[in-house]
Amino acid sequence: MNPIKTGSRVQVHYVLRTGSADGEIAEQTSPGEPLAFTFREDPMLAGFENALLGLSAGDSFRVAIPCAEAYGAESEDHYIEFPKTEFVGDDGEWDDELFGEGEVIPMNTPDGQVLYGVVSEVKLNSIVIDFNHPMAGEDLFFEGQVVAVD
């Protein structure tokens, strides 16, 4: 059996819970569709990879990653207010459904990077968009099994 090491092509099935090991399921792989990544090369949480280091196909894992080591605390600085005029369509109209509270909005940075934010508040002449990571402020709890290591 090959143990997981830098450069290994890894496949895992997992369940991710937030808040506690018995908390709400935030994410999970589907049967027959494991998460596949190159160890220490593809962007993954360091705490997740540290828990997998040295494991082999068939091994199970459980890891708790505190908020500070995952996506950090939620930051008020990541709530940004924009005038509604920046979001009117080609027809000059504002779309209440597209920009309702809770809707995910793609935005481009000046250098062309796409960021996704969530509309957190709609005001008379502006909207407030939350650019925190969706799991910011959450302790993460992974449980799963290594499917393959190449």
C-alpha atoms as a PDB file:
ATOM      1  CA  MET A   1       0.000   0.000   0.000  1.00  0.00           C
ATOM      2  CA  ASN A   2       1.227   3.482  -0.845  1.00  0.00           C
ATOM      3  CA  PRO A   3       1.124   5.959   2.031  1.00  0.00           C
ATOM      4  CA  ILE A   4       0.046   9.529   1.224  1.00  0.00           C
ATOM      5  CA  LYS A   5       3.017  11.841   0.667  1.00  0.00           C
ATOM      6  CA  THR A   6       3.758  15.057  -1.240  1.00  0.00           C
ATOM      7  CA  GLY A   7       2.736  14.653  -4.874  1.00  0.00           C
ATOM      8  CA  SER A   8       0.466  11.646  -4.248  1.00  0.00           C
ATOM      9  CA  ARG A   9      -2.778  11.624  -6.217  1.00  0.00           C
ATOM     10  CA  VAL A  10      -5.349  11.077  -3.462  1.00  0.00           C
ATOM     11  CA  GLN A  11      -9.045  10.167  -3.514  1.00  0.00           C
ATOM     12  CA  VAL A  12     -11.143  10.403  -0.343  1.00  0.00           C
ATOM     13  CA  HIS A  13     -14.762  10.200   0.670  1.00  0.00           C
ATOM     14  CA  TYR A  14     -15.683  12.501   3.529  1.00  0.00           C
ATOM     15  CA  VAL A  15     -18.441  14.183   5.496  1.00  0.00           C
ATOM     16  CA  LEU A  16     -17.803  17.742   6.703  1.00  0.00           C
ATOM     17  CA  ARG A  17     -19.744  18.984   9.721  1.00  0.00           C
ATOM     18  CA  THR A  18     -19.679  22.429  11.276  1.00  0.00           C
ATOM     19  CA  GLY A  19     -19.831  23.431  14.924  1.00  0.00           C
ATOM     20  CA  SER A  20     -19.159  19.955  16.363  1.00  0.00           C
ATOM     21  CA  ALA A  21     -18.439  16.379  15.320  1.00  0.00           C
ATOM     22  CA  ASP A  22     -22.208  15.803  15.498  1.00  0.00           C
ATOM     23  CA  GLY A  23     -23.071  19.148  13.895  1.00  0.00           C
ATOM     24  CA  GLU A  24     -24.894  19.975  10.706  1.00  0.00           C
ATOM     25  CA  ILE A  25     -23.549  18.388   7.525  1.00  0.00           C
ATOM     26  CA  ALA A  26     -22.099  21.202   5.452  1.00  0.00           C
ATOM     27  CA  GLU A  27     -20.623  19.130   2.648  1.00  0.00           C
ATOM     28  CA  GLN A  28     -20.050  15.522   1.664  1.00  0.00           C
ATOM     29  CA  THR A  29     -18.853  13.491  -1.270  1.00  0.00           C
ATOM     30  CA  SER A  30     -21.323  11.472  -3.305  1.00  0.00           C
ATOM     31  CA  PRO A  31     -21.108   7.683  -3.673  1.00  0.00           C
ATOM     32  CA  GLY A  32     -18.800   6.878  -6.567  1.00  0.00           C
ATOM     33  CA  GLU A  33     -17.513  10.468  -6.709  1.00  0.00           C
ATOM     34  CA  PRO A  34     -14.686  10.893  -4.202  1.00  0.00           C
ATOM     35  CA  LEU A  35     -12.736  14.126  -3.803  1.00  0.00           C
ATOM     36  CA  ALA A  36      -9.559  13.777  -5.886  1.00  0.00           C
ATOM     37  CA  PHE A  37      -6.526  16.023  -5.416  1.00  0.00           C
ATOM     38  CA  THR A  38      -2.739  16.086  -5.558  1.00  0.00           C
ATOM     39  CA  PHE A  39      -1.392  16.090  -2.004  1.00  0.00           C
ATOM     40  CA  ARG A  40       0.402  19.315  -0.994  1.00  0.00           C
ATOM     41  CA  GLU A  41       0.014  20.686  -4.541  1.00  0.00           C
ATOM     42  CA  ASP A  42      -3.704  21.411  -4.940  1.00  0.00           C
ATOM     43  CA  PRO A  43      -5.173  24.018  -2.590  1.00  0.00           C
ATOM     44  CA  MET A  44      -6.509  22.210   0.481  1.00  0.00           C
ATOM     45  CA  LEU A  45      -6.780  23.133   4.151  1.00  0.00           C
ATOM     46  CA  ALA A  46      -3.461  22.395   5.862  1.00  0.00           C
ATOM     47  CA  GLY A  47      -5.190  20.711   8.815  1.00  0.00           C
ATOM     48  CA  PHE A  48      -7.053  18.388   6.449  1.00  0.00           C
ATOM     49  CA  GLU A  49      -3.865  17.390   4.653  1.00  0.00           C
ATOM     50  CA  ASN A  50      -1.944  16.953   7.916  1.00  0.00           C
ATOM     51  CA  ALA A  51      -4.557  14.418   9.038  1.00  0.00           C
ATOM     52  CA  LEU A  52      -4.114  12.436   5.808  1.00  0.00           C
ATOM     53  CA  LEU A  53      -0.302  12.392   5.715  1.00  0.00           C
ATOM     54  CA  GLY A  54       0.940   8.786   5.839  1.00  0.00           C
ATOM     55  CA  LEU A  55      -2.496   7.175   5.461  1.00  0.00           C
ATOM     56  CA  SER A  56      -3.139   4.532   2.803  1.00  0.00           C
ATOM     57  CA  ALA A  57      -6.153   3.395   0.780  1.00  0.00           C
ATOM     58  CA  GLY A  58      -8.780   1.939   3.124  1.00  0.00           C
ATOM     59  CA  ASP A  59      -7.677   3.999   6.152  1.00  0.00           C
ATOM     60  CA  SER A  60     -10.281   6.102   7.946  1.00  0.00           C
ATOM     61  CA  PHE A  61      -9.700   9.600   9.277  1.00  0.00           C
ATOM     62  CA  ARG A  62     -11.286  12.118  11.637  1.00  0.00           C
ATOM     63  CA  VAL A  63      -9.986  15.645  12.062  1.00  0.00           C
ATOM     64  CA  ALA A  64     -11.217  18.771  13.830  1.00  0.00           C
ATOM     65  CA  ILE A  65      -9.978  22.059  12.377  1.00  0.00           C
ATOM     66  CA  PRO A  66     -10.603  25.142  14.522  1.00  0.00           C
ATOM     67  CA  CYS A  67     -12.001  28.207  12.810  1.00  0.00           C
ATOM     68  CA  ALA A  68      -8.677  30.085  13.074  1.00  0.00           C
ATOM     69  CA  GLU A  69      -6.908  27.315  11.130  1.00  0.00           C
ATOM     70  CA  ALA A  70      -9.696  26.915   8.566  1.00  0.00           C
ATOM     71  CA  TYR A  71     -11.242  30.053   7.041  1.00  0.00           C
ATOM     72  CA  GLY A  72     -10.821  32.401  10.002  1.00  0.00           C
ATOM     73  CA  ALA A  73     -13.354  34.449  11.860  1.00  0.00           C
ATOM     74  CA  GLU A  74     -16.076  36.308  10.051  1.00  0.00           C
ATOM     75  CA  SER A  75     -14.890  39.872   9.396  1.00  0.00           C
ATOM     76  CA  GLU A  76     -17.059  42.976   9.268  1.00  0.00           C
ATOM     77  CA  ASP A  77     -14.493  44.381   6.811  1.00  0.00           C
ATOM     78  CA  HIS A  78     -15.710  41.845   4.251  1.00  0.00           C
ATOM     79  CA  TYR A  79     -19.212  43.369   4.217  1.00  0.00           C
ATOM     80  CA  ILE A  80     -19.119  45.987   1.468  1.00  0.00           C
ATOM     81  CA  GLU A  81     -21.871  48.409   0.505  1.00  0.00           C
ATOM     82  CA  PHE A  82     -22.415  49.219  -3.178  1.00  0.00           C
ATOM     83  CA  PRO A  83     -24.801  51.684  -4.810  1.00  0.00           C
ATOM     84  CA  LYS A  84     -27.604  49.918  -6.679  1.00  0.00           C
ATOM     85  CA  THR A  85     -26.667  51.895  -9.788  1.00  0.00           C
ATOM     86  CA  GLU A  86     -23.623  49.596 -10.192  1.00  0.00           C
ATOM     87  CA  PHE A  87     -25.975  46.662 -10.795  1.00  0.00           C
ATOM     88  CA  VAL A  88     -28.640  47.926 -13.173  1.00  0.00           C
ATOM     89  CA  GLY A  89     -29.139  45.830 -16.301  1.00  0.00           C
ATOM     90  CA  ASP A  90     -28.712  46.876 -19.917  1.00  0.00           C
ATOM     91  CA  ASP A  91     -32.339  47.981 -19.794  1.00  0.00           C
ATOM     92  CA  GLY A  92     -31.508  50.401 -16.952  1.00  0.00           C
ATOM     93  CA  GLU A  93     -33.629  48.430 -14.471  1.00  0.00           C
ATOM     94  CA  TRP A  94     -32.818  46.943 -11.060  1.00  0.00           C
ATOM     95  CA  ASP A  95     -33.689  43.228 -10.687  1.00  0.00           C
ATOM     96  CA  ASP A  96     -35.126  42.613  -7.189  1.00  0.00           C
ATOM     97  CA  GLU A  97     -35.013  38.818  -7.599  1.00  0.00           C
ATOM     98  CA  LEU A  98     -31.405  38.662  -8.777  1.00  0.00           C
ATOM     99  CA  PHE A  99     -30.226  40.852  -5.901  1.00  0.00           C
ATOM    100  CA  GLY A 100     -32.446  39.575  -3.080  1.00  0.00           C
ATOM    101  CA  GLU A 101     -31.037  38.817   0.358  1.00  0.00           C
ATOM    102  CA  GLY A 102     -29.156  35.516   0.355  1.00  0.00           C
ATOM    103  CA  GLU A 103     -28.446  35.531  -3.392  1.00  0.00           C
ATOM    104  CA  VAL A 104     -24.880  34.745  -4.485  1.00  0.00           C
ATOM    105  CA  ILE A 105     -23.382  37.446  -6.710  1.00  0.00           C
ATOM    106  CA  PRO A 106     -20.193  37.035  -8.807  1.00  0.00           C
ATOM    107  CA  MET A 107     -18.015  40.156  -8.800  1.00  0.00           C
ATOM    108  CA  ASN A 108     -14.807  40.976 -10.680  1.00  0.00           C
ATOM    109  CA  THR A 109     -11.809  42.516  -8.937  1.00  0.00           C
ATOM    110  CA  PRO A 110      -9.808  45.191 -10.794  1.00  0.00           C
ATOM    111  CA  ASP A 111      -7.302  42.497 -11.844  1.00  0.00           C
ATOM    112  CA  GLY A 112     -10.067  40.274 -13.280  1.00  0.00           C
ATOM    113  CA  GLN A 113     -10.358  37.748 -10.435  1.00  0.00           C
ATOM    114  CA  VAL A 114     -13.912  36.548  -9.758  1.00  0.00           C
ATOM    115  CA  LEU A 115     -15.118  36.709  -6.138  1.00  0.00           C
ATOM    116  CA  TYR A 116     -18.468  35.477  -4.942  1.00  0.00           C
ATOM    117  CA  GLY A 117     -20.422  37.402  -2.353  1.00  0.00           C
ATOM    118  CA  VAL A 118     -23.790  36.947  -0.703  1.00  0.00           C
ATOM    119  CA  VAL A 119     -26.319  39.785  -0.604  1.00  0.00           C
ATOM    120  CA  SER A 120     -26.756  40.383   3.123  1.00  0.00           C
ATOM    121  CA  GLU A 121     -28.927  43.516   3.024  1.00  0.00           C
ATOM    122  CA  VAL A 122     -30.894  45.472   0.443  1.00  0.00           C
ATOM    123  CA  LYS A 123     -31.352  49.169   1.239  1.00  0.00           C
ATOM    124  CA  LEU A 124     -33.245  51.871  -0.589  1.00  0.00           C
ATOM    125  CA  ASN A 125     -30.324  52.947  -2.803  1.00  0.00           C
ATOM    126  CA  SER A 126     -27.636  50.371  -2.037  1.00  0.00           C
ATOM    127  CA  ILE A 127     -26.924  46.733  -1.280  1.00  0.00           C
ATOM    128  CA  VAL A 128     -24.517  45.183   1.218  1.00  0.00           C
ATOM    129  CA  ILE A 129     -22.570  42.149  -0.005  1.00  0.00           C
ATOM    130  CA  ASP A 130     -20.785  39.707   2.324  1.00  0.00           C
ATOM    131  CA  PHE A 131     -17.457  38.492   0.896  1.00  0.00           C
ATOM    132  CA  ASN A 132     -16.529  36.298   3.882  1.00  0.00           C
ATOM    133  CA  HIS A 133     -15.889  32.651   3.037  1.00  0.00           C
ATOM    134  CA  PRO A 134     -19.177  30.744   3.582  1.00  0.00           C
ATOM    135  CA  MET A 135     -17.496  28.732   6.365  1.00  0.00           C
ATOM    136  CA  ALA A 136     -15.784  31.694   8.044  1.00  0.00           C
ATOM    137  CA  GLY A 137     -16.368  31.576  11.784  1.00  0.00           C
ATOM    138  CA  GLU A 138     -16.964  27.805  11.758  1.00  0.00           C
ATOM    139  CA  ASP A 139     -15.022  25.004  13.393  1.00  0.00           C
ATOM    140  CA  LEU A 140     -14.807  22.158  10.860  1.00  0.00           C
ATOM    141  CA  PHE A 141     -15.068  18.434  11.528  1.00  0.00           C
ATOM    142  CA  PHE A 142     -14.095  15.988   8.778  1.00  0.00           C
ATOM    143  CA  GLU A 143     -14.677  12.259   8.899  1.00  0.00           C
ATOM    144  CA  GLY A 144     -13.964   9.939   6.013  1.00  0.00           C
ATOM    145  CA  GLN A 145     -11.952   7.261   4.317  1.00  0.00           C
ATOM    146  CA  VAL A 146      -9.046   7.214   1.879  1.00  0.00           C
ATOM    147  CA  VAL A 147     -10.238   5.546  -1.330  1.00  0.00           C
ATOM    148  CA  ALA A 148      -7.042   5.538  -3.392  1.00  0.00           C
ATOM    149  CA  VAL A 149      -3.434   6.746  -3.328  1.00  0.00           C
ATOM    150  CA  ASP A 150      -1.370   6.807  -6.541  1.00  0.00           C
END
